[in-house]
């Protein structure tokens, strides 16, 4: 993927997550997008980090002791982990939803 395409697609994904998760922002969740790093901070001090890793051409996510590397799939317009087939938006919804004790859809 061309670097400019990577930056466009990764920025769209991070901005979408910032907007949707920002709507949930309250005393249990703080959402902060700074450049290409989205930090989700929970009331208990836990942090989930989602960032665009331009050198690898991937979006990376770290949540607790688990990490994912997502590649852009142009045929579906989604970010998918080659390791296990997880999709970025579904993975974020599941992990954040579990942490907050609620069902999320992104």
PDB file of N, CA and C in Angstrom:
ATOM      1  N   UNK A   1       0.842  -1.169   0.000  1.00  0.00           N
ATOM      2  CA  UNK A   1       0.000   0.000   0.000  1.00  0.00           C
ATOM      3  C   UNK A   1       0.892   1.239   0.000  1.00  0.00           C
ATOM      4  N   UNK A   2       0.524   2.206  -0.765  1.00  0.00           N
ATOM      5  CA  UNK A   2       1.264   3.471  -0.797  1.00  0.00           C
ATOM      6  C   UNK A   2       1.181   4.141   0.575  1.00  0.00           C
ATOM      7  N   UNK A   3       2.233   4.826   0.949  1.00  0.00           N
ATOM      8  CA  UNK A   3       2.285   5.490   2.250  1.00  0.00           C
ATOM      9  C   UNK A   3       1.129   6.476   2.425  1.00  0.00           C
ATOM     10  N   UNK A   4       0.796   7.222   1.388  1.00  0.00           N
ATOM     11  CA  UNK A   4      -0.300   8.192   1.504  1.00  0.00           C
ATOM     12  C   UNK A   4      -1.640   7.485   1.726  1.00  0.00           C
ATOM     13  N   UNK A   5      -1.832   6.329   1.074  1.00  0.00           N
ATOM     14  CA  UNK A   5      -3.057   5.554   1.289  1.00  0.00           C
ATOM     15  C   UNK A   5      -3.108   5.023   2.718  1.00  0.00           C
ATOM     16  N   UNK A   6      -1.966   4.538   3.219  1.00  0.00           N
ATOM     17  CA  UNK A   6      -1.918   4.057   4.588  1.00  0.00           C
ATOM     18  C   UNK A   6      -2.311   5.166   5.558  1.00  0.00           C
ATOM     19  N   UNK A   7      -1.724   6.341   5.381  1.00  0.00           N
ATOM     20  CA  UNK A   7      -2.017   7.448   6.293  1.00  0.00           C
ATOM     21  C   UNK A   7      -3.496   7.838   6.234  1.00  0.00           C
ATOM     22  N   UNK A   8      -4.069   7.852   5.052  1.00  0.00           N
ATOM     23  CA  UNK A   8      -5.486   8.202   4.917  1.00  0.00           C
ATOM     24  C   UNK A   8      -6.375   7.170   5.588  1.00  0.00           C
ATOM     25  N   UNK A   9      -6.149   5.899   5.300  1.00  0.00           N
ATOM     26  CA  UNK A   9      -6.996   4.835   5.854  1.00  0.00           C
ATOM     27  C   UNK A   9      -6.815   4.701   7.370  1.00  0.00           C
ATOM     28  N   UNK A  10      -5.587   4.799   7.846  1.00  0.00           N
ATOM     29  CA  UNK A  10      -5.364   4.681   9.293  1.00  0.00           C
ATOM     30  C   UNK A  10      -5.940   5.886  10.031  1.00  0.00           C
ATOM     31  N   UNK A  11      -5.797   7.077   9.470  1.00  0.00           N
ATOM     32  CA  UNK A  11      -6.369   8.273  10.104  1.00  0.00           C
ATOM     33  C   UNK A  11      -7.894   8.172  10.171  1.00  0.00           C
ATOM     34  N   UNK A  12      -8.512   7.680   9.097  1.00  0.00           N
ATOM     35  CA  UNK A  12      -9.970   7.502   9.103  1.00  0.00           C
ATOM     36  C   UNK A  12     -10.396   6.540  10.207  1.00  0.00           C
ATOM     37  N   UNK A  13      -9.671   5.451  10.367  1.00  0.00           N
ATOM     38  CA  UNK A  13     -10.017   4.462  11.397  1.00  0.00           C
ATOM     39  C   UNK A  13      -9.864   5.057  12.795  1.00  0.00           C
ATOM     40  N   UNK A  14      -8.746   5.727  13.056  1.00  0.00           N
ATOM     41  CA  UNK A  14      -8.518   6.301  14.378  1.00  0.00           C
ATOM     42  C   UNK A  14      -9.516   7.415  14.683  1.00  0.00           C
ATOM     43  N   UNK A  15      -9.827   8.237  13.700  1.00  0.00           N
ATOM     44  CA  UNK A  15     -10.809   9.309  13.902  1.00  0.00           C
ATOM     45  C   UNK A  15     -12.196   8.736  14.163  1.00  0.00           C
ATOM     46  N   UNK A  16     -12.556   7.660  13.469  1.00  0.00           N
ATOM     47  CA  UNK A  16     -13.848   7.000  13.695  1.00  0.00           C
ATOM     48  C   UNK A  16     -13.923   6.479  15.133  1.00  0.00           C
ATOM     49  N   UNK A  17     -12.863   5.806  15.569  1.00  0.00           N
ATOM     50  CA  UNK A  17     -12.836   5.289  16.938  1.00  0.00           C
ATOM     51  C   UNK A  17     -12.889   6.422  17.960  1.00  0.00           C
ATOM     52  N   UNK A  18     -12.162   7.489  17.717  1.00  0.00           N
ATOM     53  CA  UNK A  18     -12.154   8.640  18.626  1.00  0.00           C
ATOM     54  C   UNK A  18     -13.567   9.222  18.745  1.00  0.00           C
ATOM     55  N   UNK A  19     -14.238   9.357  17.623  1.00  0.00           N
ATOM     56  CA  UNK A  19     -15.590   9.925  17.627  1.00  0.00           C
ATOM     57  C   UNK A  19     -16.574   9.009  18.352  1.00  0.00           C
ATOM     58  N   UNK A  20     -16.583   7.733  17.988  1.00  0.00           N
ATOM     59  CA  UNK A  20     -17.553   6.793  18.566  1.00  0.00           C
ATOM     60  C   UNK A  20     -17.283   6.531  20.041  1.00  0.00           C
ATOM     61  N   UNK A  21     -16.030   6.316  20.399  1.00  0.00           N
ATOM     62  CA  UNK A  21     -15.708   6.063  21.798  1.00  0.00           C
ATOM     63  C   UNK A  21     -15.791   7.347  22.616  1.00  0.00           C
ATOM     64  N   UNK A  22     -15.511   8.474  21.986  1.00  0.00           N
ATOM     65  CA  UNK A  22     -15.644   9.765  22.667  1.00  0.00           C
ATOM     66  C   UNK A  22     -17.079  10.025  23.092  1.00  0.00           C
ATOM     67  N   UNK A  23     -18.042   9.497  22.333  1.00  0.00           N
ATOM     68  CA  UNK A  23     -19.453   9.628  22.704  1.00  0.00           C
ATOM     69  C   UNK A  23     -19.754   8.886  24.001  1.00  0.00           C
ATOM     70  N   UNK A  24     -18.933   7.892  24.354  1.00  0.00           N
ATOM     71  CA  UNK A  24     -19.113   7.109  25.578  1.00  0.00           C
ATOM     72  C   UNK A  24     -18.345   7.701  26.749  1.00  0.00           C
ATOM     73  N   UNK A  25     -17.552   8.710  26.458  1.00  0.00           N
ATOM     74  CA  UNK A  25     -16.646   9.250  27.464  1.00  0.00           C
ATOM     75  C   UNK A  25     -17.427   9.711  28.699  1.00  0.00           C
ATOM     76  N   UNK A  26     -17.027   9.228  29.811  1.00  0.00           N
ATOM     77  CA  UNK A  26     -17.613   9.607  31.092  1.00  0.00           C
ATOM     78  C   UNK A  26     -16.600   9.296  32.178  1.00  0.00           C
ATOM     79  N   UNK A  27     -17.027   9.178  33.392  1.00  0.00           N
ATOM     80  CA  UNK A  27     -16.081   8.970  34.487  1.00  0.00           C
ATOM     81  C   UNK A  27     -15.325   7.653  34.409  1.00  0.00           C
ATOM     82  N   UNK A  28     -15.759   6.700  33.576  1.00  0.00           N
ATOM     83  CA  UNK A  28     -15.102   5.394  33.482  1.00  0.00           C
ATOM     84  C   UNK A  28     -14.167   5.275  32.278  1.00  0.00           C
ATOM     85  N   UNK A  29     -14.176   6.260  31.372  1.00  0.00           N
ATOM     86  CA  UNK A  29     -13.363   6.171  30.158  1.00  0.00           C
ATOM     87  C   UNK A  29     -12.939   7.555  29.691  1.00  0.00           C
ATOM     88  N   UNK A  30     -11.654   7.695  29.391  1.00  0.00           N
ATOM     89  CA  UNK A  30     -11.130   8.918  28.799  1.00  0.00           C
ATOM     90  C   UNK A  30     -10.534   8.538  27.452  1.00  0.00           C
ATOM     91  N   UNK A  31     -10.884   9.279  26.410  1.00  0.00           N
ATOM     92  CA  UNK A  31     -10.445   8.991  25.049  1.00  0.00           C
ATOM     93  C   UNK A  31      -9.592  10.162  24.562  1.00  0.00           C
ATOM     94  N   UNK A  32      -8.381   9.863  24.094  1.00  0.00           N
ATOM     95  CA  UNK A  32      -7.482  10.923  23.644  1.00  0.00           C
ATOM     96  C   UNK A  32      -6.783  10.509  22.357  1.00  0.00           C
ATOM     97  N   UNK A  33      -7.044  11.265  21.283  1.00  0.00           N
ATOM     98  CA  UNK A  33      -6.357  11.044  20.011  1.00  0.00           C
ATOM     99  C   UNK A  33      -5.317  12.139  19.846  1.00  0.00           C
ATOM    100  N   UNK A  34      -4.057  11.725  19.790  1.00  0.00           N
ATOM    101  CA  UNK A  34      -2.949  12.659  19.595  1.00  0.00           C
ATOM    102  C   UNK A  34      -2.126  12.157  18.421  1.00  0.00           C
ATOM    103  N   UNK A  35      -2.274  12.826  17.292  1.00  0.00           N
ATOM    104  CA  UNK A  35      -1.577  12.391  16.086  1.00  0.00           C
ATOM    105  C   UNK A  35      -2.090  11.045  15.635  1.00  0.00           C
ATOM    106  N   UNK A  36      -1.208  10.064  15.610  1.00  0.00           N
ATOM    107  CA  UNK A  36      -1.616   8.731  15.155  1.00  0.00           C
ATOM    108  C   UNK A  36      -1.713   7.731  16.307  1.00  0.00           C
ATOM    109  N   UNK A  37      -1.932   8.244  17.532  1.00  0.00           N
ATOM    110  CA  UNK A  37      -2.064   7.388  18.713  1.00  0.00           C
ATOM    111  C   UNK A  37      -3.367   7.705  19.436  1.00  0.00           C
ATOM    112  N   UNK A  38      -4.197   6.678  19.595  1.00  0.00           N
ATOM    113  CA  UNK A  38      -5.448   6.798  20.344  1.00  0.00           C
ATOM    114  C   UNK A  38      -5.255   6.080  21.673  1.00  0.00           C
ATOM    115  N   UNK A  39      -5.404   6.817  22.757  1.00  0.00           N
ATOM    116  CA  UNK A  39      -5.238   6.247  24.089  1.00  0.00           C
ATOM    117  C   UNK A  39      -6.590   6.218  24.785  1.00  0.00           C
ATOM    118  N   UNK A  40      -6.952   5.039  25.266  1.00  0.00           N
ATOM    119  CA  UNK A  40      -8.182   4.854  26.028  1.00  0.00           C
ATOM    120  C   UNK A  40      -7.764   4.584  27.466  1.00  0.00           C
ATOM    121  N   UNK A  41      -8.147   5.461  28.376  1.00  0.00           N
ATOM    122  CA  UNK A  41      -7.787   5.315  29.775  1.00  0.00           C
ATOM    123  C   UNK A  41      -9.049   5.062  30.586  1.00  0.00           C
ATOM    124  N   UNK A  42      -9.020   4.002  31.360  1.00  0.00           N
ATOM    125  CA  UNK A  42     -10.174   3.592  32.148  1.00  0.00           C
ATOM    126  C   UNK A  42     -10.021   4.057  33.593  1.00  0.00           C
ATOM    127  N   UNK A  43     -11.123   4.086  34.324  1.00  0.00           N
ATOM    128  CA  UNK A  43     -11.138   4.589  35.701  1.00  0.00           C
ATOM    129  C   UNK A  43     -10.170   3.835  36.601  1.00  0.00           C
ATOM    130  N   UNK A  44      -9.933   2.562  36.308  1.00  0.00           N
ATOM    131  CA  UNK A  44      -9.024   1.777  37.145  1.00  0.00           C
ATOM    132  C   UNK A  44      -7.552   1.981  36.780  1.00  0.00           C
ATOM    133  N   UNK A  45      -7.293   2.892  35.831  1.00  0.00           N
ATOM    134  CA  UNK A  45      -5.926   3.194  35.415  1.00  0.00           C
ATOM    135  C   UNK A  45      -5.440   2.389  34.225  1.00  0.00           C
ATOM    136  N   UNK A  46      -6.197   1.377  33.809  1.00  0.00           N
ATOM    137  CA  UNK A  46      -5.813   0.576  32.640  1.00  0.00           C
ATOM    138  C   UNK A  46      -5.838   1.450  31.387  1.00  0.00           C
ATOM    139  N   UNK A  47      -4.934   1.145  30.461  1.00  0.00           N
ATOM    140  CA  UNK A  47      -4.865   1.881  29.191  1.00  0.00           C
ATOM    141  C   UNK A  47      -4.839   0.904  28.035  1.00  0.00           C
ATOM    142  N   UNK A  48      -5.614   1.219  27.018  1.00  0.00           N
ATOM    143  CA  UNK A  48      -5.561   0.518  25.742  1.00  0.00           C
ATOM    144  C   UNK A  48      -4.990   1.523  24.749  1.00  0.00           C
ATOM    145  N   UNK A  49      -4.060   1.091  23.930  1.00  0.00           N
ATOM    146  CA  UNK A  49      -3.412   1.965  22.955  1.00  0.00           C
ATOM    147  C   UNK A  49      -3.683   1.417  21.552  1.00  0.00           C
ATOM    148  N   UNK A  50      -4.138   2.288  20.670  1.00  0.00           N
ATOM    149  CA  UNK A  50      -4.342   1.939  19.262  1.00  0.00           C
ATOM    150  C   UNK A  50      -3.560   2.973  18.459  1.00  0.00           C
ATOM    151  N   UNK A  51      -2.645   2.498  17.621  1.00  0.00           N
ATOM    152  CA  UNK A  51      -1.845   3.463  16.877  1.00  0.00           C
ATOM    153  C   UNK A  51      -1.558   2.996  15.453  1.00  0.00           C
ATOM    154  N   UNK A  52      -1.339   3.984  14.609  1.00  0.00           N
ATOM    155  CA  UNK A  52      -0.929   3.724  13.227  1.00  0.00           C
ATOM    156  C   UNK A  52       0.583   3.578  13.229  1.00  0.00           C
ATOM    157  N   UNK A  53       1.056   2.412  12.813  1.00  0.00           N
ATOM    158  CA  UNK A  53       2.499   2.153  12.772  1.00  0.00           C
ATOM    159  C   UNK A  53       2.918   2.204  11.305  1.00  0.00           C
ATOM    160  N   UNK A  54       3.348   3.377  10.877  1.00  0.00           N
ATOM    161  CA  UNK A  54       3.608   3.588   9.452  1.00  0.00           C
ATOM    162  C   UNK A  54       4.760   2.734   8.924  1.00  0.00           C
ATOM    163  N   UNK A  55       5.779   2.467   9.724  1.00  0.00           N
ATOM    164  CA  UNK A  55       6.901   1.652   9.248  1.00  0.00           C
ATOM    165  C   UNK A  55       6.443   0.246   8.871  1.00  0.00           C
ATOM    166  N   UNK A  56       5.491  -0.291   9.628  1.00  0.00           N
ATOM    167  CA  UNK A  56       4.972  -1.634   9.353  1.00  0.00           C
ATOM    168  C   UNK A  56       3.755  -1.592   8.429  1.00  0.00           C
ATOM    169  N   UNK A  57       3.169  -0.401   8.237  1.00  0.00           N
ATOM    170  CA  UNK A  57       1.966  -0.284   7.423  1.00  0.00           C
ATOM    171  C   UNK A  57       0.770  -0.951   8.083  1.00  0.00           C
ATOM    172  N   UNK A  58       0.736  -0.901   9.412  1.00  0.00           N
ATOM    173  CA  UNK A  58      -0.310  -1.566  10.172  1.00  0.00           C
ATOM    174  C   UNK A  58      -0.884  -0.640  11.244  1.00  0.00           C
ATOM    175  N   UNK A  59      -2.072  -1.007  11.721  1.00  0.00           N
ATOM    176  CA  UNK A  59      -2.634  -0.398  12.915  1.00  0.00           C
ATOM    177  C   UNK A  59      -2.416  -1.410  14.033  1.00  0.00           C
ATOM    178  N   UNK A  60      -1.798  -0.950  15.109  1.00  0.00           N
ATOM    179  CA  UNK A  60      -1.504  -1.817  16.242  1.00  0.00           C
ATOM    180  C   UNK A  60      -2.425  -1.482  17.394  1.00  0.00           C
ATOM    181  N   UNK A  61      -2.792  -2.507  18.148  1.00  0.00           N
ATOM    182  CA  UNK A  61      -3.625  -2.311  19.337  1.00  0.00           C
ATOM    183  C   UNK A  61      -3.048  -3.133  20.476  1.00  0.00           C
ATOM    184  N   UNK A  62      -2.931  -2.512  21.636  1.00  0.00           N
ATOM    185  CA  UNK A  62      -2.507  -3.195  22.847  1.00  0.00           C
ATOM    186  C   UNK A  62      -3.578  -2.964  23.905  1.00  0.00           C
ATOM    187  N   UNK A  63      -4.088  -4.066  24.444  1.00  0.00           N
ATOM    188  CA  UNK A  63      -5.127  -4.004  25.476  1.00  0.00           C
ATOM    189  C   UNK A  63      -4.777  -5.026  26.546  1.00  0.00           C
ATOM    190  N   UNK A  64      -4.323  -4.527  27.681  1.00  0.00           N
ATOM    191  CA  UNK A  64      -3.881  -5.440  28.731  1.00  0.00           C
ATOM    192  C   UNK A  64      -2.652  -6.203  28.264  1.00  0.00           C
ATOM    193  N   UNK A  65      -2.715  -7.526  28.307  1.00  0.00           N
ATOM    194  CA  UNK A  65      -1.577  -8.352  27.901  1.00  0.00           C
ATOM    195  C   UNK A  65      -1.710  -8.870  26.469  1.00  0.00           C
ATOM    196  N   UNK A  66      -2.700  -8.374  25.740  1.00  0.00           N
ATOM    197  CA  UNK A  66      -2.950  -8.837  24.378  1.00  0.00           C
ATOM    198  C   UNK A  66      -2.637  -7.724  23.383  1.00  0.00           C
ATOM    199  N   UNK A  67      -2.052  -8.119  22.256  1.00  0.00           N
ATOM    200  CA  UNK A  67      -1.732  -7.151  21.203  1.00  0.00           C
ATOM    201  C   UNK A  67      -2.164  -7.698  19.849  1.00  0.00           C
ATOM    202  N   UNK A  68      -2.543  -6.788  18.961  1.00  0.00           N
ATOM    203  CA  UNK A  68      -2.954  -7.134  17.606  1.00  0.00           C
ATOM    204  C   UNK A  68      -2.202  -6.238  16.626  1.00  0.00           C
ATOM    205  N   UNK A  69      -1.969  -6.768  15.437  1.00  0.00           N
ATOM    206  CA  UNK A  69      -1.426  -6.005  14.309  1.00  0.00           C
ATOM    207  C   UNK A  69      -2.411  -6.182  13.159  1.00  0.00           C
ATOM    208  N   UNK A  70      -3.012  -5.092  12.743  1.00  0.00           N
ATOM    209  CA  UNK A  70      -4.036  -5.133  11.710  1.00  0.00           C
ATOM    210  C   UNK A  70      -3.492  -4.586  10.387  1.00  0.00           C
ATOM    211  N   UNK A  71      -3.763  -5.298   9.310  1.00  0.00           N
ATOM    212  CA  UNK A  71      -3.406  -4.863   7.960  1.00  0.00           C
ATOM    213  C   UNK A  71      -4.670  -4.405   7.257  1.00  0.00           C
ATOM    214  N   UNK A  72      -4.518  -3.411   6.404  1.00  0.00           N
ATOM    215  CA  UNK A  72      -5.672  -2.915   5.663  1.00  0.00           C
ATOM    216  C   UNK A  72      -6.038  -3.895   4.546  1.00  0.00           C
ATOM    217  N   UNK A  73      -7.320  -4.233   4.464  1.00  0.00           N
ATOM    218  CA  UNK A  73      -7.832  -5.103   3.413  1.00  0.00           C
ATOM    219  C   UNK A  73      -8.656  -4.242   2.454  1.00  0.00           C
ATOM    220  N   UNK A  74      -8.091  -3.895   1.298  1.00  0.00           N
ATOM    221  CA  UNK A  74      -8.804  -3.002   0.379  1.00  0.00           C
ATOM    222  C   UNK A  74     -10.108  -3.581  -0.158  1.00  0.00           C
ATOM    223  N   UNK A  75     -10.219  -4.899  -0.225  1.00  0.00           N
ATOM    224  CA  UNK A  75     -11.450  -5.486  -0.768  1.00  0.00           C
ATOM    225  C   UNK A  75     -12.639  -5.269   0.168  1.00  0.00           C
ATOM    226  N   UNK A  76     -12.381  -5.223   1.479  1.00  0.00           N
ATOM    227  CA  UNK A  76     -13.475  -5.007   2.434  1.00  0.00           C
ATOM    228  C   UNK A  76     -13.442  -3.613   3.048  1.00  0.00           C
ATOM    229  N   UNK A  77     -12.327  -2.896   2.864  1.00  0.00           N
ATOM    230  CA  UNK A  77     -12.193  -1.568   3.457  1.00  0.00           C
ATOM    231  C   UNK A  77     -12.050  -1.623   4.971  1.00  0.00           C
ATOM    232  N   UNK A  78     -11.517  -2.747   5.486  1.00  0.00           N
ATOM    233  CA  UNK A  78     -11.371  -2.919   6.922  1.00  0.00           C
ATOM    234  C   UNK A  78      -9.925  -3.258   7.274  1.00  0.00           C
ATOM    235  N   UNK A  79      -9.624  -3.180   8.556  1.00  0.00           N
ATOM    236  CA  UNK A  79      -8.311  -3.549   9.085  1.00  0.00           C
ATOM    237  C   UNK A  79      -8.454  -4.919   9.721  1.00  0.00           C
ATOM    238  N   UNK A  80      -7.648  -5.883   9.251  1.00  0.00           N
ATOM    239  CA  UNK A  80      -7.793  -7.278   9.671  1.00  0.00           C
ATOM    240  C   UNK A  80      -6.443  -7.828  10.138  1.00  0.00           C
ATOM    241  N   UNK A  81      -6.482  -8.603  11.221  1.00  0.00           N
ATOM    242  CA  UNK A  81      -5.279  -9.267  11.722  1.00  0.00           C
ATOM    243  C   UNK A  81      -5.036 -10.526  10.896  1.00  0.00           C
ATOM    244  N   UNK A  82      -3.857 -10.622  10.290  1.00  0.00           N
ATOM    245  CA  UNK A  82      -3.512 -11.817   9.521  1.00  0.00           C
ATOM    246  C   UNK A  82      -3.344 -13.032  10.426  1.00  0.00           C
ATOM    247  N   UNK A  83      -2.985 -12.794  11.669  1.00  0.00           N
ATOM    248  CA  UNK A  83      -2.732 -13.886  12.602  1.00  0.00           C
ATOM    249  C   UNK A  83      -3.997 -14.680  12.921  1.00  0.00           C
ATOM    250  N   UNK A  84      -5.107 -13.965  13.150  1.00  0.00           N
ATOM    251  CA  UNK A  84      -6.313 -14.674  13.578  1.00  0.00           C
ATOM    252  C   UNK A  84      -7.593 -14.228  12.890  1.00  0.00           C
ATOM    253  N   UNK A  85      -7.508 -13.273  11.961  1.00  0.00           N
ATOM    254  CA  UNK A  85      -8.686 -12.825  11.232  1.00  0.00           C
ATOM    255  C   UNK A  85      -9.545 -11.813  11.965  1.00  0.00           C
ATOM    256  N   UNK A  86      -9.111 -11.375  13.162  1.00  0.00           N
ATOM    257  CA  UNK A  86      -9.870 -10.365  13.900  1.00  0.00           C
ATOM    258  C   UNK A  86      -9.919  -9.072  13.091  1.00  0.00           C
ATOM    259  N   UNK A  87     -11.040  -8.382  13.177  1.00  0.00           N
ATOM    260  CA  UNK A  87     -11.225  -7.098  12.503  1.00  0.00           C
ATOM    261  C   UNK A  87     -11.119  -5.993  13.543  1.00  0.00           C
ATOM    262  N   UNK A  88     -10.494  -4.886  13.198  1.00  0.00           N
ATOM    263  CA  UNK A  88     -10.193  -3.808  14.142  1.00  0.00           C
ATOM    264  C   UNK A  88     -11.421  -3.301  14.890  1.00  0.00           C
ATOM    265  N   UNK A  89     -12.453  -2.876  14.199  1.00  0.00           N
ATOM    266  CA  UNK A  89     -13.610  -2.266  14.860  1.00  0.00           C
ATOM    267  C   UNK A  89     -14.312  -3.271  15.782  1.00  0.00           C
ATOM    268  N   UNK A  90     -14.430  -4.502  15.334  1.00  0.00           N
ATOM    269  CA  UNK A  90     -15.061  -5.526  16.163  1.00  0.00           C
ATOM    270  C   UNK A  90     -14.210  -5.834  17.388  1.00  0.00           C
ATOM    271  N   UNK A  91     -12.912  -5.859  17.211  1.00  0.00           N
ATOM    272  CA  UNK A  91     -11.999  -6.139  18.322  1.00  0.00           C
ATOM    273  C   UNK A  91     -12.049  -5.024  19.358  1.00  0.00           C
ATOM    274  N   UNK A  92     -12.031  -3.784  18.895  1.00  0.00           N
ATOM    275  CA  UNK A  92     -12.113  -2.654  19.829  1.00  0.00           C
ATOM    276  C   UNK A  92     -13.458  -2.689  20.560  1.00  0.00           C
ATOM    277  N   UNK A  93     -14.543  -2.900  19.833  1.00  0.00           N
ATOM    278  CA  UNK A  93     -15.865  -2.954  20.460  1.00  0.00           C
ATOM    279  C   UNK A  93     -15.926  -4.048  21.521  1.00  0.00           C
ATOM    280  N   UNK A  94     -15.384  -5.216  21.216  1.00  0.00           N
ATOM    281  CA  UNK A  94     -15.439  -6.338  22.156  1.00  0.00           C
ATOM    282  C   UNK A  94     -14.571  -6.085  23.387  1.00  0.00           C
ATOM    283  N   UNK A  95     -13.340  -5.595  23.190  1.00  0.00           N
ATOM    284  CA  UNK A  95     -12.436  -5.428  24.326  1.00  0.00           C
ATOM    285  C   UNK A  95     -12.850  -4.241  25.205  1.00  0.00           C
ATOM    286  N   UNK A  96     -13.230  -3.140  24.591  1.00  0.00           N
ATOM    287  CA  UNK A  96     -13.667  -1.981  25.370  1.00  0.00           C
ATOM    288  C   UNK A  96     -15.016  -2.280  26.028  1.00  0.00           C
ATOM    289  N   UNK A  97     -15.918  -2.903  25.286  1.00  0.00           N
ATOM    290  CA  UNK A  97     -17.214  -3.263  25.853  1.00  0.00           C
ATOM    291  C   UNK A  97     -17.075  -4.169  27.056  1.00  0.00           C
ATOM    292  N   UNK A  98     -16.199  -5.153  26.953  1.00  0.00           N
ATOM    293  CA  UNK A  98     -15.972  -6.066  28.078  1.00  0.00           C
ATOM    294  C   UNK A  98     -15.427  -5.297  29.281  1.00  0.00           C
ATOM    295  N   UNK A  99     -14.481  -4.408  29.032  1.00  0.00           N
ATOM    296  CA  UNK A  99     -13.878  -3.630  30.113  1.00  0.00           C
ATOM    297  C   UNK A  99     -14.912  -2.729  30.798  1.00  0.00           C
ATOM    298  N   UNK A 100     -15.845  -2.179  30.013  1.00  0.00           N
ATOM    299  CA  UNK A 100     -16.859  -1.277  30.565  1.00  0.00           C
ATOM    300  C   UNK A 100     -18.118  -2.032  31.021  1.00  0.00           C
ATOM    301  N   UNK A 101     -18.206  -3.310  30.685  1.00  0.00           N
ATOM    302  CA  UNK A 101     -19.378  -4.088  31.068  1.00  0.00           C
ATOM    303  C   UNK A 101     -20.615  -3.725  30.270  1.00  0.00           C
ATOM    304  N   UNK A 102     -20.421  -3.474  28.963  1.00  0.00           N
ATOM    305  CA  UNK A 102     -21.542  -3.098  28.109  1.00  0.00           C
ATOM    306  C   UNK A 102     -21.308  -3.606  26.695  1.00  0.00           C
ATOM    307  N   UNK A 103     -22.379  -3.707  25.920  1.00  0.00           N
ATOM    308  CA  UNK A 103     -22.264  -4.096  24.514  1.00  0.00           C
ATOM    309  C   UNK A 103     -21.985  -2.851  23.693  1.00  0.00           C
ATOM    310  N   UNK A 104     -20.973  -2.928  22.838  1.00  0.00           N
ATOM    311  CA  UNK A 104     -20.633  -1.810  21.954  1.00  0.00           C
ATOM    312  C   UNK A 104     -20.698  -2.237  20.517  1.00  0.00           C
ATOM    313  N   UNK A 105     -21.017  -1.290  19.668  1.00  0.00           N
ATOM    314  CA  UNK A 105     -20.990  -1.502  18.231  1.00  0.00           C
ATOM    315  C   UNK A 105     -20.286  -0.308  17.606  1.00  0.00           C
ATOM    316  N   UNK A 106     -19.275  -0.585  16.802  1.00  0.00           N
ATOM    317  CA  UNK A 106     -18.530   0.491  16.164  1.00  0.00           C
ATOM    318  C   UNK A 106     -18.652   0.385  14.670  1.00  0.00           C
TER     319      UNK A 106
END
